Amino acid sequence: MKVVMYGTKACPDCVEAEEILKEKGIQYLYMEFSDNIGYLKRFLTLRDTNPIFDEAKENHWVGVPCFQFQDGSLSLDIDEVVKRAEEEA
């Protein structure tokens, strides 16, 4: 399984999530948007159009780390990523 992770190095939760992905040997593409406006635009499009971010927006959170699976589905939960990776292994 390969997952896309949207986030930023400035976010402690993103840093921790990346460490978990590495420790578990889960393949991922990190769309780190601190220095890449294209990645930020892709993330904002997801954030603005997907109800998974409703709670984050209501609480004025960014909504990262965000994980996108190969089937296009999204999760804000690193534990779900690990579980799905283990199920596919």
PDB file of N, CA and C in Angstrom:
ATOM      1  N   MET A   1       0.840  -1.174   0.000  1.00  0.00           N
ATOM      2  CA  MET A   1       0.000   0.000   0.000  1.00  0.00           C
ATOM      3  C   MET A   1       0.888   1.241   0.000  1.00  0.00           C
ATOM      4  N   LYS A   2       0.483   2.224  -0.777  1.00  0.00           N
ATOM      5  CA  LYS A   2       1.154   3.519  -0.758  1.00  0.00           C
ATOM      6  C   LYS A   2       0.102   4.568  -0.433  1.00  0.00           C
ATOM      7  N   VAL A   3       0.460   5.483   0.430  1.00  0.00           N
ATOM      8  CA  VAL A   3      -0.459   6.521   0.874  1.00  0.00           C
ATOM      9  C   VAL A   3       0.184   7.881   0.618  1.00  0.00           C
ATOM     10  N   VAL A   4      -0.655   8.863   0.338  1.00  0.00           N
ATOM     11  CA  VAL A   4      -0.189  10.241   0.219  1.00  0.00           C
ATOM     12  C   VAL A   4      -0.486  10.924   1.548  1.00  0.00           C
ATOM     13  N   MET A   5       0.520  11.579   2.081  1.00  0.00           N
ATOM     14  CA  MET A   5       0.350  12.316   3.332  1.00  0.00           C
ATOM     15  C   MET A   5       0.503  13.803   3.045  1.00  0.00           C
ATOM     16  N   TYR A   6      -0.519  14.576   3.405  1.00  0.00           N
ATOM     17  CA  TYR A   6      -0.453  16.029   3.315  1.00  0.00           C
ATOM     18  C   TYR A   6      -0.133  16.572   4.699  1.00  0.00           C
ATOM     19  N   GLY A   7       0.806  17.500   4.757  1.00  0.00           N
ATOM     20  CA  GLY A   7       1.158  18.074   6.043  1.00  0.00           C
ATOM     21  C   GLY A   7       2.274  19.084   5.924  1.00  0.00           C
ATOM     22  N   THR A   8       2.830  19.426   7.079  1.00  0.00           N
ATOM     23  CA  THR A   8       3.894  20.411   7.145  1.00  0.00           C
ATOM     24  C   THR A   8       4.855  20.063   8.279  1.00  0.00           C
ATOM     25  N   LYS A   9       6.111  20.373   8.071  1.00  0.00           N
ATOM     26  CA  LYS A   9       7.126  20.124   9.097  1.00  0.00           C
ATOM     27  C   LYS A   9       6.879  20.943  10.362  1.00  0.00           C
ATOM     28  N   ALA A  10       6.092  22.004  10.253  1.00  0.00           N
ATOM     29  CA  ALA A  10       5.797  22.863  11.397  1.00  0.00           C
ATOM     30  C   ALA A  10       4.736  22.268  12.325  1.00  0.00           C
ATOM     31  N   CYS A  11       4.137  21.157  11.922  1.00  0.00           N
ATOM     32  CA  CYS A  11       3.063  20.519  12.689  1.00  0.00           C
ATOM     33  C   CYS A  11       3.608  19.309  13.444  1.00  0.00           C
ATOM     34  N   PRO A  12       3.590  19.336  14.775  1.00  0.00           N
ATOM     35  CA  PRO A  12       4.104  18.197  15.544  1.00  0.00           C
ATOM     36  C   PRO A  12       3.381  16.885  15.231  1.00  0.00           C
ATOM     37  N   ASP A  13       2.076  16.944  14.972  1.00  0.00           N
ATOM     38  CA  ASP A  13       1.336  15.725  14.633  1.00  0.00           C
ATOM     39  C   ASP A  13       1.803  15.147  13.303  1.00  0.00           C
ATOM     40  N   CYS A  14       2.166  16.017  12.360  1.00  0.00           N
ATOM     41  CA  CYS A  14       2.668  15.553  11.062  1.00  0.00           C
ATOM     42  C   CYS A  14       4.038  14.899  11.218  1.00  0.00           C
ATOM     43  N   VAL A  15       4.879  15.505  12.022  1.00  0.00           N
ATOM     44  CA  VAL A  15       6.213  14.946  12.270  1.00  0.00           C
ATOM     45  C   VAL A  15       6.080  13.559  12.889  1.00  0.00           C
ATOM     46  N   GLU A  16       5.208  13.436  13.883  1.00  0.00           N
ATOM     47  CA  GLU A  16       4.990  12.140  14.536  1.00  0.00           C
ATOM     48  C   GLU A  16       4.412  11.115  13.557  1.00  0.00           C
ATOM     49  N   ALA A  17       3.463  11.531  12.733  1.00  0.00           N
ATOM     50  CA  ALA A  17       2.856  10.614  11.765  1.00  0.00           C
ATOM     51  C   ALA A  17       3.890  10.111  10.768  1.00  0.00           C
ATOM     52  N   GLU A  18       4.761  10.996  10.302  1.00  0.00           N
ATOM     53  CA  GLU A  18       5.798  10.562   9.365  1.00  0.00           C
ATOM     54  C   GLU A  18       6.735   9.554  10.023  1.00  0.00           C
ATOM     55  N   GLU A  19       7.072   9.774  11.280  1.00  0.00           N
ATOM     56  CA  GLU A  19       7.925   8.817  12.003  1.00  0.00           C
ATOM     57  C   GLU A  19       7.258   7.447  12.085  1.00  0.00           C
ATOM     58  N   ILE A  20       5.959   7.426  12.339  1.00  0.00           N
ATOM     59  CA  ILE A  20       5.223   6.158  12.414  1.00  0.00           C
ATOM     60  C   ILE A  20       5.222   5.462  11.059  1.00  0.00           C
ATOM     61  N   LEU A  21       4.985   6.209   9.992  1.00  0.00           N
ATOM     62  CA  LEU A  21       5.006   5.616   8.650  1.00  0.00           C
ATOM     63  C   LEU A  21       6.360   4.973   8.371  1.00  0.00           C
ATOM     64  N   LYS A  22       7.425   5.677   8.733  1.00  0.00           N
ATOM     65  CA  LYS A  22       8.775   5.132   8.529  1.00  0.00           C
ATOM     66  C   LYS A  22       9.003   3.887   9.374  1.00  0.00           C
ATOM     67  N   GLU A  23       8.639   3.950  10.655  1.00  0.00           N
ATOM     68  CA  GLU A  23       8.836   2.813  11.563  1.00  0.00           C
ATOM     69  C   GLU A  23       8.093   1.572  11.092  1.00  0.00           C
ATOM     70  N   LYS A  24       6.895   1.766  10.561  1.00  0.00           N
ATOM     71  CA  LYS A  24       6.058   0.647  10.127  1.00  0.00           C
ATOM     72  C   LYS A  24       6.384   0.189   8.709  1.00  0.00           C
ATOM     73  N   GLY A  25       7.268   0.918   8.027  1.00  0.00           N
ATOM     74  CA  GLY A  25       7.642   0.551   6.665  1.00  0.00           C
ATOM     75  C   GLY A  25       6.532   0.769   5.652  1.00  0.00           C
ATOM     76  N   ILE A  26       5.666   1.725   5.926  1.00  0.00           N
ATOM     77  CA  ILE A  26       4.557   2.032   5.020  1.00  0.00           C
ATOM     78  C   ILE A  26       5.057   3.006   3.958  1.00  0.00           C
ATOM     79  N   GLN A  27       4.844   2.654   2.699  1.00  0.00           N
ATOM     80  CA  GLN A  27       5.267   3.531   1.607  1.00  0.00           C
ATOM     81  C   GLN A  27       4.352   4.754   1.572  1.00  0.00           C
ATOM     82  N   TYR A  28       4.960   5.916   1.416  1.00  0.00           N
ATOM     83  CA  TYR A  28       4.162   7.139   1.387  1.00  0.00           C
ATOM     84  C   TYR A  28       4.843   8.197   0.531  1.00  0.00           C
ATOM     85  N   LEU A  29       4.032   9.100   0.039  1.00  0.00           N
ATOM     86  CA  LEU A  29       4.501  10.290  -0.653  1.00  0.00           C
ATOM     87  C   LEU A  29       4.083  11.461   0.219  1.00  0.00           C
ATOM     88  N   TYR A  30       5.055  12.223   0.694  1.00  0.00           N
ATOM     89  CA  TYR A  30       4.767  13.335   1.603  1.00  0.00           C
ATOM     90  C   TYR A  30       4.584  14.606   0.796  1.00  0.00           C
ATOM     91  N   MET A  31       3.369  15.120   0.782  1.00  0.00           N
ATOM     92  CA  MET A  31       3.059  16.382   0.123  1.00  0.00           C
ATOM     93  C   MET A  31       3.213  17.479   1.180  1.00  0.00           C
ATOM     94  N   GLU A  32       4.461  17.804   1.473  1.00  0.00           N
ATOM     95  CA  GLU A  32       4.815  18.772   2.505  1.00  0.00           C
ATOM     96  C   GLU A  32       4.635  20.161   1.906  1.00  0.00           C
ATOM     97  N   PHE A  33       3.640  20.887   2.379  1.00  0.00           N
ATOM     98  CA  PHE A  33       3.262  22.108   1.673  1.00  0.00           C
ATOM     99  C   PHE A  33       3.809  23.401   2.256  1.00  0.00           C
ATOM    100  N   SER A  34       4.736  23.327   3.194  1.00  0.00           N
ATOM    101  CA  SER A  34       5.327  24.557   3.722  1.00  0.00           C
ATOM    102  C   SER A  34       6.046  25.345   2.634  1.00  0.00           C
ATOM    103  N   ASP A  35       6.717  24.637   1.753  1.00  0.00           N
ATOM    104  CA  ASP A  35       7.517  25.285   0.714  1.00  0.00           C
ATOM    105  C   ASP A  35       7.012  25.003  -0.693  1.00  0.00           C
ATOM    106  N   ASN A  36       5.806  24.437  -0.818  1.00  0.00           N
ATOM    107  CA  ASN A  36       5.316  24.063  -2.141  1.00  0.00           C
ATOM    108  C   ASN A  36       3.860  24.488  -2.280  1.00  0.00           C
ATOM    109  N   ILE A  37       3.638  25.576  -2.982  1.00  0.00           N
ATOM    110  CA  ILE A  37       2.291  26.123  -3.129  1.00  0.00           C
ATOM    111  C   ILE A  37       1.379  25.166  -3.893  1.00  0.00           C
ATOM    112  N   GLY A  38       1.943  24.383  -4.803  1.00  0.00           N
ATOM    113  CA  GLY A  38       1.143  23.404  -5.544  1.00  0.00           C
ATOM    114  C   GLY A  38       0.552  22.349  -4.622  1.00  0.00           C
ATOM    115  N   TYR A  39       1.361  21.843  -3.699  1.00  0.00           N
ATOM    116  CA  TYR A  39       0.870  20.863  -2.725  1.00  0.00           C
ATOM    117  C   TYR A  39      -0.195  21.492  -1.824  1.00  0.00           C
ATOM    118  N   LEU A  40       0.031  22.749  -1.435  1.00  0.00           N
ATOM    119  CA  LEU A  40      -0.942  23.444  -0.594  1.00  0.00           C
ATOM    120  C   LEU A  40      -2.272  23.591  -1.324  1.00  0.00           C
ATOM    121  N   LYS A  41      -2.235  23.945  -2.592  1.00  0.00           N
ATOM    122  CA  LYS A  41      -3.467  24.082  -3.373  1.00  0.00           C
ATOM    123  C   LYS A  41      -4.209  22.755  -3.474  1.00  0.00           C
ATOM    124  N   ARG A  42      -3.467  21.668  -3.690  1.00  0.00           N
ATOM    125  CA  ARG A  42      -4.104  20.344  -3.752  1.00  0.00           C
ATOM    126  C   ARG A  42      -4.778  20.019  -2.429  1.00  0.00           C
ATOM    127  N   PHE A  43      -4.078  20.285  -1.320  1.00  0.00           N
ATOM    128  CA  PHE A  43      -4.652  20.013  -0.008  1.00  0.00           C
ATOM    129  C   PHE A  43      -5.892  20.869   0.230  1.00  0.00           C
ATOM    130  N   LEU A  44      -5.819  22.152  -0.078  1.00  0.00           N
ATOM    131  CA  LEU A  44      -6.960  23.034   0.167  1.00  0.00           C
ATOM    132  C   LEU A  44      -8.172  22.633  -0.661  1.00  0.00           C
ATOM    133  N   THR A  45      -7.948  22.135  -1.869  1.00  0.00           N
ATOM    134  CA  THR A  45      -9.060  21.637  -2.679  1.00  0.00           C
ATOM    135  C   THR A  45      -9.739  20.468  -1.974  1.00  0.00           C
ATOM    136  N   LEU A  46      -8.938  19.542  -1.445  1.00  0.00           N
ATOM    137  CA  LEU A  46      -9.507  18.425  -0.683  1.00  0.00           C
ATOM    138  C   LEU A  46     -10.247  18.946   0.550  1.00  0.00           C
ATOM    139  N   ARG A  47      -9.612  19.839   1.264  1.00  0.00           N
ATOM    140  CA  ARG A  47     -10.168  20.351   2.523  1.00  0.00           C
ATOM    141  C   ARG A  47     -11.476  21.102   2.297  1.00  0.00           C
ATOM    142  N   ASP A  48     -11.546  21.829   1.200  1.00  0.00           N
ATOM    143  CA  ASP A  48     -12.735  22.640   0.938  1.00  0.00           C
ATOM    144  C   ASP A  48     -13.907  21.834   0.397  1.00  0.00           C
ATOM    145  N   THR A  49     -13.650  20.604  -0.055  1.00  0.00           N
ATOM    146  CA  THR A  49     -14.704  19.842  -0.726  1.00  0.00           C
ATOM    147  C   THR A  49     -15.058  18.528  -0.044  1.00  0.00           C
ATOM    148  N   ASN A  50     -14.397  18.176   1.049  1.00  0.00           N
ATOM    149  CA  ASN A  50     -14.636  16.880   1.669  1.00  0.00           C
ATOM    150  C   ASN A  50     -15.141  17.059   3.102  1.00  0.00           C
ATOM    151  N   PRO A  51     -16.261  16.417   3.435  1.00  0.00           N
ATOM    152  CA  PRO A  51     -16.831  16.581   4.776  1.00  0.00           C
ATOM    153  C   PRO A  51     -15.975  16.023   5.913  1.00  0.00           C
ATOM    154  N   ILE A  52     -14.953  15.244   5.597  1.00  0.00           N
ATOM    155  CA  ILE A  52     -14.069  14.734   6.653  1.00  0.00           C
ATOM    156  C   ILE A  52     -13.395  15.889   7.407  1.00  0.00           C
ATOM    157  N   PHE A  53     -13.330  17.051   6.771  1.00  0.00           N
ATOM    158  CA  PHE A  53     -12.668  18.214   7.370  1.00  0.00           C
ATOM    159  C   PHE A  53     -13.622  19.149   8.108  1.00  0.00           C
ATOM    160  N   ASP A  54     -14.900  18.814   8.167  1.00  0.00           N
ATOM    161  CA  ASP A  54     -15.874  19.724   8.785  1.00  0.00           C
ATOM    162  C   ASP A  54     -15.501  20.087  10.222  1.00  0.00           C
ATOM    163  N   GLU A  55     -15.152  19.089  11.030  1.00  0.00           N
ATOM    164  CA  GLU A  55     -14.793  19.367  12.427  1.00  0.00           C
ATOM    165  C   GLU A  55     -13.547  20.247  12.506  1.00  0.00           C
ATOM    166  N   ALA A  56     -12.567  19.955  11.665  1.00  0.00           N
ATOM    167  CA  ALA A  56     -11.343  20.759  11.657  1.00  0.00           C
ATOM    168  C   ALA A  56     -11.657  22.211  11.312  1.00  0.00           C
ATOM    169  N   LYS A  57     -12.475  22.410  10.295  1.00  0.00           N
ATOM    170  CA  LYS A  57     -12.817  23.774   9.891  1.00  0.00           C
ATOM    171  C   LYS A  57     -13.625  24.489  10.974  1.00  0.00           C
ATOM    172  N   GLU A  58     -14.568  23.782  11.600  1.00  0.00           N
ATOM    173  CA  GLU A  58     -15.378  24.388  12.660  1.00  0.00           C
ATOM    174  C   GLU A  58     -14.518  24.832  13.840  1.00  0.00           C
ATOM    175  N   ASN A  59     -13.438  24.116  14.092  1.00  0.00           N
ATOM    176  CA  ASN A  59     -12.558  24.425  15.221  1.00  0.00           C
ATOM    177  C   ASN A  59     -11.327  25.236  14.818  1.00  0.00           C
ATOM    178  N   HIS A  60     -11.296  25.674  13.564  1.00  0.00           N
ATOM    179  CA  HIS A  60     -10.194  26.487  13.038  1.00  0.00           C
ATOM    180  C   HIS A  60      -8.860  25.750  13.067  1.00  0.00           C
ATOM    181  N   TRP A  61      -8.926  24.428  12.851  1.00  0.00           N
ATOM    182  CA  TRP A  61      -7.720  23.617  12.716  1.00  0.00           C
ATOM    183  C   TRP A  61      -7.384  23.506  11.241  1.00  0.00           C
ATOM    184  N   VAL A  62      -6.157  23.162  10.929  1.00  0.00           N
ATOM    185  CA  VAL A  62      -5.743  22.999   9.536  1.00  0.00           C
ATOM    186  C   VAL A  62      -6.319  21.712   8.949  1.00  0.00           C
ATOM    187  N   GLY A  63      -6.228  20.620   9.714  1.00  0.00           N
ATOM    188  CA  GLY A  63      -6.716  19.333   9.206  1.00  0.00           C
ATOM    189  C   GLY A  63      -5.601  18.444   8.700  1.00  0.00           C
ATOM    190  N   VAL A  64      -4.426  18.577   9.304  1.00  0.00           N
ATOM    191  CA  VAL A  64      -3.294  17.724   8.943  1.00  0.00           C
ATOM    192  C   VAL A  64      -2.761  17.060  10.204  1.00  0.00           C
ATOM    193  N   PRO A  65      -2.145  15.928  10.078  1.00  0.00           N
ATOM    194  CA  PRO A  65      -1.868  15.248   8.820  1.00  0.00           C
ATOM    195  C   PRO A  65      -3.143  14.667   8.206  1.00  0.00           C
ATOM    196  N   CYS A  66      -3.149  14.680   6.896  1.00  0.00           N
ATOM    197  CA  CYS A  66      -4.238  14.106   6.115  1.00  0.00           C
ATOM    198  C   CYS A  66      -3.640  13.030   5.224  1.00  0.00           C
ATOM    199  N   PHE A  67      -4.311  11.903   5.163  1.00  0.00           N
ATOM    200  CA  PHE A  67      -3.820  10.771   4.383  1.00  0.00           C
ATOM    201  C   PHE A  67      -4.812  10.442   3.276  1.00  0.00           C
ATOM    202  N   GLN A  68      -4.296  10.270   2.065  1.00  0.00           N
ATOM    203  CA  GLN A  68      -5.137   9.881   0.931  1.00  0.00           C
ATOM    204  C   GLN A  68      -4.692   8.506   0.456  1.00  0.00           C
ATOM    205  N   PHE A  69      -5.651   7.579   0.435  1.00  0.00           N
ATOM    206  CA  PHE A  69      -5.365   6.211   0.023  1.00  0.00           C
ATOM    207  C   PHE A  69      -5.454   6.090  -1.491  1.00  0.00           C
ATOM    208  N   GLN A  70      -4.976   4.980  -2.015  1.00  0.00           N
ATOM    209  CA  GLN A  70      -4.950   4.763  -3.456  1.00  0.00           C
ATOM    210  C   GLN A  70      -6.342   4.806  -4.070  1.00  0.00           C
ATOM    211  N   ASP A  71      -7.369   4.463  -3.295  1.00  0.00           N
ATOM    212  CA  ASP A  71      -8.739   4.502  -3.819  1.00  0.00           C
ATOM    213  C   ASP A  71      -9.342   5.906  -3.761  1.00  0.00           C
ATOM    214  N   GLY A  72      -8.555   6.890  -3.296  1.00  0.00           N
ATOM    215  CA  GLY A  72      -9.011   8.269  -3.226  1.00  0.00           C
ATOM    216  C   GLY A  72      -9.624   8.662  -1.898  1.00  0.00           C
ATOM    217  N   SER A  73      -9.907   7.688  -1.036  1.00  0.00           N
ATOM    218  CA  SER A  73     -10.502   8.003   0.260  1.00  0.00           C
ATOM    219  C   SER A  73      -9.483   8.705   1.154  1.00  0.00           C
ATOM    220  N   LEU A  74      -9.998   9.426   2.134  1.00  0.00           N
ATOM    221  CA  LEU A  74      -9.166  10.240   3.016  1.00  0.00           C
ATOM    222  C   LEU A  74      -9.325   9.814   4.466  1.00  0.00           C
ATOM    223  N   SER A  75      -8.294  10.081   5.252  1.00  0.00           N
ATOM    224  CA  SER A  75      -8.339   9.858   6.693  1.00  0.00           C
ATOM    225  C   SER A  75      -7.471  10.905   7.371  1.00  0.00           C
ATOM    226  N   LEU A  76      -7.868  11.259   8.570  1.00  0.00           N
ATOM    227  CA  LEU A  76      -7.062  12.150   9.403  1.00  0.00           C
ATOM    228  C   LEU A  76      -6.441  11.379  10.562  1.00  0.00           C
ATOM    229  N   ASP A  77      -6.474  10.054  10.476  1.00  0.00           N
ATOM    230  CA  ASP A  77      -6.094   9.178  11.581  1.00  0.00           C
ATOM    231  C   ASP A  77      -4.947   8.249  11.187  1.00  0.00           C
ATOM    232  N   ILE A  78      -3.769   8.466  11.766  1.00  0.00           N
ATOM    233  CA  ILE A  78      -2.606   7.627  11.461  1.00  0.00           C
ATOM    234  C   ILE A  78      -2.862   6.172  11.839  1.00  0.00           C
ATOM    235  N   ASP A  79      -3.647   5.938  12.883  1.00  0.00           N
ATOM    236  CA  ASP A  79      -3.945   4.560  13.279  1.00  0.00           C
ATOM    237  C   ASP A  79      -4.722   3.824  12.186  1.00  0.00           C
ATOM    238  N   GLU A  80      -5.609   4.526  11.500  1.00  0.00           N
ATOM    239  CA  GLU A  80      -6.340   3.916  10.382  1.00  0.00           C
ATOM    240  C   GLU A  80      -5.382   3.563   9.245  1.00  0.00           C
ATOM    241  N   VAL A  81      -4.413   4.420   8.999  1.00  0.00           N
ATOM    242  CA  VAL A  81      -3.420   4.148   7.957  1.00  0.00           C
ATOM    243  C   VAL A  81      -2.647   2.880   8.293  1.00  0.00           C
ATOM    244  N   VAL A  82      -2.188   2.780   9.525  1.00  0.00           N
ATOM    245  CA  VAL A  82      -1.429   1.603   9.957  1.00  0.00           C
ATOM    246  C   VAL A  82      -2.293   0.350   9.844  1.00  0.00           C
ATOM    247  N   LYS A  83      -3.529   0.429  10.293  1.00  0.00           N
ATOM    248  CA  LYS A  83      -4.436  -0.724  10.237  1.00  0.00           C
ATOM    249  C   LYS A  83      -4.657  -1.182   8.799  1.00  0.00           C
ATOM    250  N   ARG A  84      -4.919  -0.247   7.902  1.00  0.00           N
ATOM    251  CA  ARG A  84      -5.146  -0.620   6.502  1.00  0.00           C
ATOM    252  C   ARG A  84      -3.890  -1.210   5.877  1.00  0.00           C
ATOM    253  N   ALA A  85      -2.745  -0.676   6.235  1.00  0.00           N
ATOM    254  CA  ALA A  85      -1.483  -1.210   5.705  1.00  0.00           C
ATOM    255  C   ALA A  85      -1.269  -2.637   6.190  1.00  0.00           C
ATOM    256  N   GLU A  86      -1.558  -2.891   7.460  1.00  0.00           N
ATOM    257  CA  GLU A  86      -1.397  -4.241   8.013  1.00  0.00           C
ATOM    258  C   GLU A  86      -2.380  -5.217   7.377  1.00  0.00           C
ATOM    259  N   GLU A  87      -3.596  -4.757   7.085  1.00  0.00           N
ATOM    260  CA  GLU A  87      -4.594  -5.617   6.448  1.00  0.00           C
ATOM    261  C   GLU A  87      -4.200  -5.983   5.022  1.00  0.00           C
ATOM    262  N   GLU A  88      -3.518  -5.064   4.344  1.00  0.00           N
ATOM    263  CA  GLU A  88      -3.120  -5.307   2.955  1.00  0.00           C
ATOM    264  C   GLU A  88      -1.822  -6.089   2.847  1.00  0.00           C
ATOM    265  N   ALA A  89      -1.085  -6.198   3.952  1.00  0.00           N
ATOM    266  CA  ALA A  89       0.215  -6.885   3.921  1.00  0.00           C
ATOM    267  C   ALA A  89       0.050  -8.391   3.822  1.00  0.00           C
TER     268      ALA A  89
END
